Amino acid sequence: MRNFVLAILIIGAINWGLIGFFQYDLIASIFGGQLAIISRIIYAIVGLCGLYAISFYFTGKSGNAVSAS
C-alpha cells in the first residue's frame, strides 16, 4: 500500500510541476479536461494519498509507530 501511495504522490507532484512551470495539466490533457469525471477521480485519489502519506511521518521504516525516546 505504501508503494502505491508513493507512486500516486510522485505522479501528482510531476503534474503540479508541469502546471507550475509550463501551465500544462497532464492529467486533464490525457483524460479530457479538469472537469471530466475521470480527471476528478484521479485528483481525488492523489489528494487521499497525500492525506494518507501524513501517517508516514509517524511510523518507522518497519511500519510500526515510532516511540518517543
C-alpha atoms as a PDB file:
ATOM      1  CA  MET A   1       0.000   0.000   0.000  1.00  0.00           C
ATOM      2  CA  ARG A   2       2.815   2.364   0.893  1.00  0.00           C
ATOM      3  CA  ASN A   3       4.454   1.963  -2.530  1.00  0.00           C
ATOM      4  CA  PHE A   4       1.130   2.631  -4.283  1.00  0.00           C
ATOM      5  CA  VAL A   5       0.640   5.812  -2.263  1.00  0.00           C
ATOM      6  CA  LEU A   6       4.159   7.000  -3.024  1.00  0.00           C
ATOM      7  CA  ALA A   7       3.729   6.275  -6.755  1.00  0.00           C
ATOM      8  CA  ILE A   8       0.483   8.269  -6.856  1.00  0.00           C
ATOM      9  CA  LEU A   9       2.114  11.141  -4.965  1.00  0.00           C
ATOM     10  CA  ILE A  10       5.004  11.194  -7.442  1.00  0.00           C
ATOM     11  CA  ILE A  11       2.546  11.336 -10.345  1.00  0.00           C
ATOM     12  CA  GLY A  12       0.698  14.170  -8.618  1.00  0.00           C
ATOM     13  CA  ALA A  13       3.927  16.037  -7.923  1.00  0.00           C
ATOM     14  CA  ILE A  14       5.018  15.754 -11.552  1.00  0.00           C
ATOM     15  CA  ASN A  15       1.621  17.026 -12.670  1.00  0.00           C
ATOM     16  CA  TRP A  16       1.834  20.011 -10.281  1.00  0.00           C
ATOM     17  CA  GLY A  17       5.365  20.725 -11.510  1.00  0.00           C
ATOM     18  CA  LEU A  18       4.133  20.783 -15.098  1.00  0.00           C
ATOM     19  CA  ILE A  19       1.311  23.128 -14.092  1.00  0.00           C
ATOM     20  CA  GLY A  20       3.677  25.422 -12.200  1.00  0.00           C
ATOM     21  CA  PHE A  21       6.436  25.593 -14.776  1.00  0.00           C
ATOM     22  CA  PHE A  22       4.581  25.245 -18.059  1.00  0.00           C
ATOM     23  CA  GLN A  23       0.869  25.822 -17.287  1.00  0.00           C
ATOM     24  CA  TYR A  24       0.225  22.325 -18.638  1.00  0.00           C
ATOM     25  CA  ASP A  25      -2.079  19.919 -16.795  1.00  0.00           C
ATOM     26  CA  LEU A  26      -1.083  16.441 -17.996  1.00  0.00           C
ATOM     27  CA  ILE A  27      -3.948  14.663 -16.228  1.00  0.00           C
ATOM     28  CA  ALA A  28      -6.532  16.990 -17.752  1.00  0.00           C
ATOM     29  CA  SER A  29      -4.929  16.639 -21.179  1.00  0.00           C
ATOM     30  CA  ILE A  30      -4.973  12.855 -21.074  1.00  0.00           C
ATOM     31  CA  PHE A  31      -8.453  12.413 -19.617  1.00  0.00           C
ATOM     32  CA  GLY A  32     -10.470  15.181 -21.274  1.00  0.00           C
ATOM     33  CA  GLY A  33     -10.205  18.286 -19.143  1.00  0.00           C
ATOM     34  CA  GLN A  34     -10.239  19.241 -15.478  1.00  0.00           C
ATOM     35  CA  LEU A  35     -13.975  18.742 -15.157  1.00  0.00           C
ATOM     36  CA  ALA A  36     -14.041  15.289 -16.742  1.00  0.00           C
ATOM     37  CA  ILE A  37     -15.137  12.708 -14.193  1.00  0.00           C
ATOM     38  CA  ILE A  38     -12.017  10.545 -14.603  1.00  0.00           C
ATOM     39  CA  SER A  39      -9.755  13.577 -14.069  1.00  0.00           C
ATOM     40  CA  ARG A  40     -11.659  14.489 -10.933  1.00  0.00           C
ATOM     41  CA  ILE A  41     -11.373  10.920  -9.665  1.00  0.00           C
ATOM     42  CA  ILE A  42      -7.605  10.969 -10.236  1.00  0.00           C
ATOM     43  CA  TYR A  43      -7.286  14.336  -8.474  1.00  0.00           C
ATOM     44  CA  ALA A  44      -9.297  12.926  -5.548  1.00  0.00           C
ATOM     45  CA  ILE A  45      -7.106   9.805  -5.356  1.00  0.00           C
ATOM     46  CA  VAL A  46      -3.965  11.953  -5.319  1.00  0.00           C
ATOM     47  CA  GLY A  47      -5.474  14.047  -2.523  1.00  0.00           C
ATOM     48  CA  LEU A  48      -6.421  10.982  -0.474  1.00  0.00           C
ATOM     49  CA  CYS A  49      -2.941   9.533  -0.946  1.00  0.00           C
ATOM     50  CA  GLY A  50      -1.494  12.819   0.289  1.00  0.00           C
ATOM     51  CA  LEU A  51      -3.621  12.643   3.417  1.00  0.00           C
ATOM     52  CA  TYR A  52      -2.627   9.015   3.980  1.00  0.00           C
ATOM     53  CA  ALA A  53       1.053   9.915   3.481  1.00  0.00           C
ATOM     54  CA  ILE A  54       0.874  12.150   6.544  1.00  0.00           C
ATOM     55  CA  SER A  55       0.900   8.927   8.554  1.00  0.00           C
ATOM     56  CA  PHE A  56       4.378   8.155   7.164  1.00  0.00           C
ATOM     57  CA  TYR A  57       5.760  10.818   9.498  1.00  0.00           C
ATOM     58  CA  PHE A  58       4.506   8.876  12.495  1.00  0.00           C
ATOM     59  CA  THR A  59       5.712   5.401  11.548  1.00  0.00           C
ATOM     60  CA  GLY A  60       9.157   3.896  11.341  1.00  0.00           C
ATOM     61  CA  LYS A  61      10.583   2.050   8.354  1.00  0.00           C
ATOM     62  CA  SER A  62       9.002  -1.198   9.544  1.00  0.00           C
ATOM     63  CA  GLY A  63       5.582   0.439   9.588  1.00  0.00           C
ATOM     64  CA  ASN A  64       5.287   0.384  13.376  1.00  0.00           C
ATOM     65  CA  ALA A  65       4.649   3.508  15.395  1.00  0.00           C
ATOM     66  CA  VAL A  66       7.834   5.272  16.436  1.00  0.00           C
ATOM     67  CA  SER A  67       8.180   5.537  20.187  1.00  0.00           C
ATOM     68  CA  ALA A  68       9.307   8.820  21.685  1.00  0.00           C
ATOM     69  CA  SER A  69      12.631   8.207  23.375  1.00  0.00           C
END
